[in-house]
């Protein structure tokens, strides 16, 4: 399911509580997006009779559940084995180049 279709559905729901496929199609075409009828049909099947508020709440619940799980890269630190510590590498000073503002007078 494309988020473009969901965003158009959410935008159309500001006007009507239950947007139609035509409402979503008009929004997508107004910003130059070609509408794929199969994707549009699938989006409306997945949404069903749920309101945008229900969809947002369901998404927040999923995000909250996933946020509480530890990340895959957060392994426990390795236990010291008694091997000698590795030598520290010397850090070379970083030479910063002067930024060119391309004649913009420091606006950015």
C-alpha atoms as a PDB file:
ATOM      1  CA  UNK A   1       0.000   0.000   0.000  1.00  0.00           C
ATOM      2  CA  UNK A   2       1.385   3.372  -0.962  1.00  0.00           C
ATOM      3  CA  UNK A   3       1.554   6.138   1.600  1.00  0.00           C
ATOM      4  CA  UNK A   4       0.574   8.581  -1.147  1.00  0.00           C
ATOM      5  CA  UNK A   5      -2.861   6.990  -1.256  1.00  0.00           C
ATOM      6  CA  UNK A   6      -3.165   7.023   2.533  1.00  0.00           C
ATOM      7  CA  UNK A   7      -2.109  10.662   2.694  1.00  0.00           C
ATOM      8  CA  UNK A   8      -4.662  11.594   0.027  1.00  0.00           C
ATOM      9  CA  UNK A   9      -7.317   9.631   1.946  1.00  0.00           C
ATOM     10  CA  UNK A  10      -6.437  11.468   5.161  1.00  0.00           C
ATOM     11  CA  UNK A  11      -6.555  14.803   3.372  1.00  0.00           C
ATOM     12  CA  UNK A  12      -9.928  13.975   1.803  1.00  0.00           C
ATOM     13  CA  UNK A  13     -11.252  12.930   5.220  1.00  0.00           C
ATOM     14  CA  UNK A  14     -10.910  16.530   6.355  1.00  0.00           C
ATOM     15  CA  UNK A  15     -13.741  17.361   3.985  1.00  0.00           C
ATOM     16  CA  UNK A  16     -15.908  14.240   4.405  1.00  0.00           C
ATOM     17  CA  UNK A  17     -15.853  11.599   7.110  1.00  0.00           C
ATOM     18  CA  UNK A  18     -15.832   8.796   4.559  1.00  0.00           C
ATOM     19  CA  UNK A  19     -13.955   9.830   1.400  1.00  0.00           C
ATOM     20  CA  UNK A  20     -14.669   8.060  -1.873  1.00  0.00           C
ATOM     21  CA  UNK A  21     -12.199   6.668  -4.386  1.00  0.00           C
ATOM     22  CA  UNK A  22     -13.034   9.628  -6.614  1.00  0.00           C
ATOM     23  CA  UNK A  23     -12.061  12.059  -3.826  1.00  0.00           C
ATOM     24  CA  UNK A  24      -8.693  10.359  -3.395  1.00  0.00           C
ATOM     25  CA  UNK A  25      -8.160  10.159  -7.164  1.00  0.00           C
ATOM     26  CA  UNK A  26      -8.837  13.887  -7.565  1.00  0.00           C
ATOM     27  CA  UNK A  27      -6.288  14.759  -4.885  1.00  0.00           C
ATOM     28  CA  UNK A  28      -3.625  12.478  -6.343  1.00  0.00           C
ATOM     29  CA  UNK A  29      -4.148  13.769  -9.872  1.00  0.00           C
ATOM     30  CA  UNK A  30      -4.078  17.379  -8.676  1.00  0.00           C
ATOM     31  CA  UNK A  31      -0.443  16.920  -7.628  1.00  0.00           C
ATOM     32  CA  UNK A  32       0.570  14.969 -10.718  1.00  0.00           C
ATOM     33  CA  UNK A  33       0.446  11.414  -9.372  1.00  0.00           C
ATOM     34  CA  UNK A  34      -0.774   8.749 -11.778  1.00  0.00           C
ATOM     35  CA  UNK A  35      -3.422   6.645 -10.038  1.00  0.00           C
ATOM     36  CA  UNK A  36      -3.087   2.877 -10.145  1.00  0.00           C
ATOM     37  CA  UNK A  37      -6.599   1.454  -9.778  1.00  0.00           C
ATOM     38  CA  UNK A  38      -5.373  -1.805  -8.198  1.00  0.00           C
ATOM     39  CA  UNK A  39      -3.459   0.079  -5.505  1.00  0.00           C
ATOM     40  CA  UNK A  40      -6.411   2.369  -4.899  1.00  0.00           C
ATOM     41  CA  UNK A  41      -8.744  -0.618  -4.551  1.00  0.00           C
ATOM     42  CA  UNK A  42      -6.321  -2.366  -2.176  1.00  0.00           C
ATOM     43  CA  UNK A  43      -6.012   0.786  -0.068  1.00  0.00           C
ATOM     44  CA  UNK A  44      -9.772   1.065   0.315  1.00  0.00           C
ATOM     45  CA  UNK A  45     -10.045  -2.661   1.143  1.00  0.00           C
ATOM     46  CA  UNK A  46      -7.392  -2.288   3.843  1.00  0.00           C
ATOM     47  CA  UNK A  47      -9.006   0.824   5.305  1.00  0.00           C
ATOM     48  CA  UNK A  48     -12.476  -0.674   5.305  1.00  0.00           C
ATOM     49  CA  UNK A  49     -14.823   1.255   7.554  1.00  0.00           C
ATOM     50  CA  UNK A  50     -12.111   2.583   9.890  1.00  0.00           C
ATOM     51  CA  UNK A  51     -11.850   6.305  10.485  1.00  0.00           C
ATOM     52  CA  UNK A  52      -8.594   8.172  10.065  1.00  0.00           C
ATOM     53  CA  UNK A  53      -8.420   8.590  13.853  1.00  0.00           C
ATOM     54  CA  UNK A  54      -8.692   4.799  14.283  1.00  0.00           C
ATOM     55  CA  UNK A  55      -5.935   4.257  11.709  1.00  0.00           C
ATOM     56  CA  UNK A  56      -3.647   6.748  13.432  1.00  0.00           C
ATOM     57  CA  UNK A  57      -4.289   5.196  16.842  1.00  0.00           C
ATOM     58  CA  UNK A  58      -3.546   1.716  15.479  1.00  0.00           C
ATOM     59  CA  UNK A  59      -0.318   2.996  13.931  1.00  0.00           C
ATOM     60  CA  UNK A  60       0.720   4.676  17.184  1.00  0.00           C
ATOM     61  CA  UNK A  61       0.129   1.432  19.075  1.00  0.00           C
ATOM     62  CA  UNK A  62       2.377  -0.433  16.635  1.00  0.00           C
ATOM     63  CA  UNK A  63       5.084   2.222  16.906  1.00  0.00           C
ATOM     64  CA  UNK A  64       4.923   2.176  20.704  1.00  0.00           C
ATOM     65  CA  UNK A  65       5.221  -1.616  20.757  1.00  0.00           C
ATOM     66  CA  UNK A  66       8.218  -1.573  18.420  1.00  0.00           C
ATOM     67  CA  UNK A  67       9.882   1.301  20.247  1.00  0.00           C
ATOM     68  CA  UNK A  68       9.949  -0.658  23.493  1.00  0.00           C
ATOM     69  CA  UNK A  69      11.822  -3.577  21.892  1.00  0.00           C
ATOM     70  CA  UNK A  70      15.611  -3.358  22.044  1.00  0.00           C
ATOM     71  CA  UNK A  71      17.401  -2.600  18.831  1.00  0.00           C
ATOM     72  CA  UNK A  72      19.260  -5.430  17.131  1.00  0.00           C
ATOM     73  CA  UNK A  73      22.580  -3.612  17.360  1.00  0.00           C
ATOM     74  CA  UNK A  74      22.473  -3.102  21.112  1.00  0.00           C
ATOM     75  CA  UNK A  75      24.338  -6.190  22.272  1.00  0.00           C
ATOM     76  CA  UNK A  76      25.839  -6.521  25.739  1.00  0.00           C
ATOM     77  CA  UNK A  77      29.406  -5.236  26.057  1.00  0.00           C
ATOM     78  CA  UNK A  78      32.157  -7.791  25.666  1.00  0.00           C
ATOM     79  CA  UNK A  79      33.788  -9.161  28.799  1.00  0.00           C
ATOM     80  CA  UNK A  80      37.448  -8.311  29.291  1.00  0.00           C
ATOM     81  CA  UNK A  81      39.671 -11.310  28.537  1.00  0.00           C
ATOM     82  CA  UNK A  82      42.877 -10.061  30.084  1.00  0.00           C
ATOM     83  CA  UNK A  83      44.452  -9.294  26.712  1.00  0.00           C
ATOM     84  CA  UNK A  84      46.478  -6.085  26.538  1.00  0.00           C
ATOM     85  CA  UNK A  85      44.570  -3.047  25.422  1.00  0.00           C
ATOM     86  CA  UNK A  86      45.049  -1.956  21.841  1.00  0.00           C
ATOM     87  CA  UNK A  87      47.145   1.138  21.186  1.00  0.00           C
ATOM     88  CA  UNK A  88      45.208   4.311  20.717  1.00  0.00           C
ATOM     89  CA  UNK A  89      45.439   5.787  17.276  1.00  0.00           C
ATOM     90  CA  UNK A  90      46.622   9.342  17.041  1.00  0.00           C
ATOM     91  CA  UNK A  91      43.948  11.694  15.848  1.00  0.00           C
ATOM     92  CA  UNK A  92      44.914  14.002  13.052  1.00  0.00           C
ATOM     93  CA  UNK A  93      43.487  17.510  13.267  1.00  0.00           C
ATOM     94  CA  UNK A  94      40.620  18.084  10.886  1.00  0.00           C
ATOM     95  CA  UNK A  95      41.177  21.018   8.590  1.00  0.00           C
ATOM     96  CA  UNK A  96      37.897  22.751   7.904  1.00  0.00           C
ATOM     97  CA  UNK A  97      37.446  24.425   4.593  1.00  0.00           C
ATOM     98  CA  UNK A  98      35.850  27.825   4.428  1.00  0.00           C
ATOM     99  CA  UNK A  99      32.305  27.591   3.104  1.00  0.00           C
ATOM    100  CA  UNK A 100      31.472  29.552   0.007  1.00  0.00           C
ATOM    101  CA  UNK A 101      28.068  31.201   0.242  1.00  0.00           C
ATOM    102  CA  UNK A 102      27.901  31.613  -3.545  1.00  0.00           C
ATOM    103  CA  UNK A 103      27.341  35.342  -3.297  1.00  0.00           C
ATOM    104  CA  UNK A 104      24.275  34.972  -1.073  1.00  0.00           C
ATOM    105  CA  UNK A 105      25.677  37.339   1.561  1.00  0.00           C
ATOM    106  CA  UNK A 106      25.517  34.800   4.380  1.00  0.00           C
ATOM    107  CA  UNK A 107      21.769  34.339   4.182  1.00  0.00           C
ATOM    108  CA  UNK A 108      22.015  30.598   4.581  1.00  0.00           C
END
